[in-house]
Amino acid sequence: MSAPDFIVHDAKDTVGVIVKEGIEANSKLTGWVMEDDSKVEVECIDAIPLGHKIALGDIAEGDTILKYGHDIGKAVAKVAKGGHVHIQNVKTKRW
């Protein structure tokens, strides 16, 4: 496999982390799942900056977001598969 566009640490994760610059909307991305060395493909619907997250499936408002196999917060707005997951639609559960 060529260098991935995003990395997923745990097979249970609901997001992947973009590892390439210049990701544009409406592009097909390939991700690497580190846990089992598999690959996953997602149609990216938003431009997503390096280091930001992509939704691996549809995320409903109130859903828990999993990254690195851990709860990193909850969705405060729905995010479609391939969408940009960041501070505009995810908040910590601490506050």
Protein backbone atom coordinates (compact mmCIF):
# COMPACT_ATOMS: atom_id res chain seq x y z
CA MET A 1 0.00 0.00 0.00
CA SER A 2 1.24 3.48 -0.75
CA ALA A 3 1.43 6.04 2.06
CA PRO A 4 -2.00 6.40 3.70
CA ASP A 5 -4.04 9.61 3.70
CA PHE A 6 -5.20 8.97 7.26
CA ILE A 7 -4.39 6.65 10.16
CA VAL A 8 -6.80 4.75 12.40
CA HIS A 9 -5.19 3.43 15.57
CA ASP A 10 -7.86 1.00 16.80
CA ALA A 11 -10.43 -0.95 14.78
CA LYS A 12 -13.17 0.44 17.10
CA ASP A 13 -12.28 4.07 16.31
CA THR A 14 -14.97 6.24 14.73
CA VAL A 15 -12.45 8.72 13.31
CA GLY A 16 -9.11 8.64 11.52
CA VAL A 17 -6.35 11.25 11.66
CA ILE A 18 -5.33 12.95 8.39
CA VAL A 19 -1.58 12.53 7.77
CA LYS A 20 -1.25 14.25 4.38
CA GLU A 21 -1.50 17.92 3.52
CA GLY A 22 -3.88 19.22 0.89
CA ILE A 23 -6.83 16.86 1.42
CA GLU A 24 -9.66 18.26 -0.68
CA ALA A 25 -13.40 17.67 -0.60
CA ASN A 26 -14.76 14.95 -2.85
CA SER A 27 -11.61 12.87 -2.90
CA LYS A 28 -11.24 9.17 -2.20
CA LEU A 29 -8.91 8.57 0.73
CA THR A 30 -7.15 5.45 1.92
CA GLY A 31 -6.49 4.86 5.59
CA TRP A 32 -4.31 2.41 7.49
CA VAL A 33 -5.71 0.65 10.56
CA MET A 34 -2.68 0.13 12.79
CA GLU A 35 -4.30 -2.46 15.09
CA ASP A 36 -4.71 -5.10 12.39
CA ASP A 37 -2.65 -3.66 9.49
CA SER A 38 -5.74 -3.38 7.30
CA LYS A 39 -6.81 -0.56 5.02
CA VAL A 40 -10.05 1.38 4.78
CA GLU A 41 -11.31 3.70 2.05
CA VAL A 42 -13.52 6.73 2.68
CA GLU A 43 -14.91 9.34 0.30
CA CYS A 44 -13.89 12.65 1.88
CA ILE A 45 -16.72 15.20 1.72
CA ASP A 46 -14.83 18.16 3.23
CA ALA A 47 -11.37 19.66 2.89
CA ILE A 48 -9.57 18.44 6.02
CA PRO A 49 -6.28 19.89 7.28
CA LEU A 50 -3.30 17.81 8.35
CA GLY A 51 -3.75 16.43 11.87
CA HIS A 52 -7.53 16.84 11.89
CA LYS A 53 -10.02 13.96 11.97
CA ILE A 54 -12.24 12.33 9.35
CA ALA A 55 -15.48 10.51 10.22
CA LEU A 56 -15.25 6.83 9.30
CA GLY A 57 -19.04 6.48 9.36
CA ASP A 58 -22.06 8.65 10.05
CA ILE A 59 -21.88 10.17 13.53
CA ALA A 60 -25.09 11.32 15.21
CA GLU A 61 -25.37 14.23 17.61
CA GLY A 62 -24.60 12.89 21.09
CA ASP A 63 -22.49 9.96 19.85
CA THR A 64 -19.19 9.22 21.56
CA ILE A 65 -16.14 9.81 19.38
CA LEU A 66 -13.46 7.11 19.61
CA LYS A 67 -9.83 7.80 18.72
CA TYR A 68 -6.87 5.62 19.76
CA GLY A 69 -9.52 3.23 21.10
CA HIS A 70 -10.56 5.83 23.70
CA ASP A 71 -13.47 8.20 24.25
CA ILE A 72 -12.27 11.68 23.22
CA GLY A 73 -15.63 13.45 23.51
CA LYS A 74 -19.12 13.63 22.11
CA ALA A 75 -20.55 14.91 18.86
CA VAL A 76 -22.47 18.16 19.36
CA ALA A 77 -23.66 18.08 15.75
CA LYS A 78 -24.11 15.25 13.30
CA VAL A 79 -21.22 14.46 10.99
CA ALA A 80 -21.64 12.52 7.76
CA LYS A 81 -19.21 9.77 6.81
CA GLY A 82 -16.15 11.44 5.30
CA GLY A 83 -16.79 14.71 7.11
CA HIS A 84 -14.38 16.91 9.05
CA VAL A 85 -14.48 16.10 12.78
CA HIS A 86 -13.04 18.95 14.87
CA ILE A 87 -13.97 21.58 17.47
CA GLN A 88 -17.02 22.71 15.48
CA ASN A 89 -18.77 19.38 16.08
CA VAL A 90 -16.98 17.62 19.00
CA LYS A 91 -16.74 18.69 22.64
CA THR A 92 -15.20 17.11 25.70
CA LYS A 93 -17.54 15.37 28.13
CA ARG A 94 -15.77 17.02 31.08
CA TRP A 95 -17.72 20.28 30.87
